[in-house]
Amino acid sequence: MRRELRFTPTANGQLDRMENTPDLKDVLKQVRKTPGYLETNPRAKSVQTHKYESLTRRYGLEIFEAYVQQNTPGAYRVFWHYGPDETDKSGRRVPIITVVAIVPHPG
């Protein structure tokens, strides 16, 4: 099932900063691939999606982490959740994935 993506203002701001930071040009290219995987198959092996327990407990909804990079210090991650789904003009349900944040891994 293909899903549509929505970005929170926080995630949009993080993307804007990356677009305006020449040093992050290569990272931005990798970051832009990840939402494509989320739209078509959020469980794609290459993004290694898994539930992020501490954020799930904190916000009371399942928050997932998808890898943008691997084996890289400060590797970028995309945090996202399912929904809220929308209804199109014909009354059909549109499944949504909301991208919450795009950040380097703190570890």
Foldseek 3Di string as FASTA:
>chain_A
DFAAEAEDPAAVVVLVVLVVDVVNPVLNVLVVVQVVCVRPPPCPPQQNKDWDPVVCVVPVFTKIWTFSDPPDQQGKIWIKHKDPWDADPVGDIHTYIYTYHIGGDPD
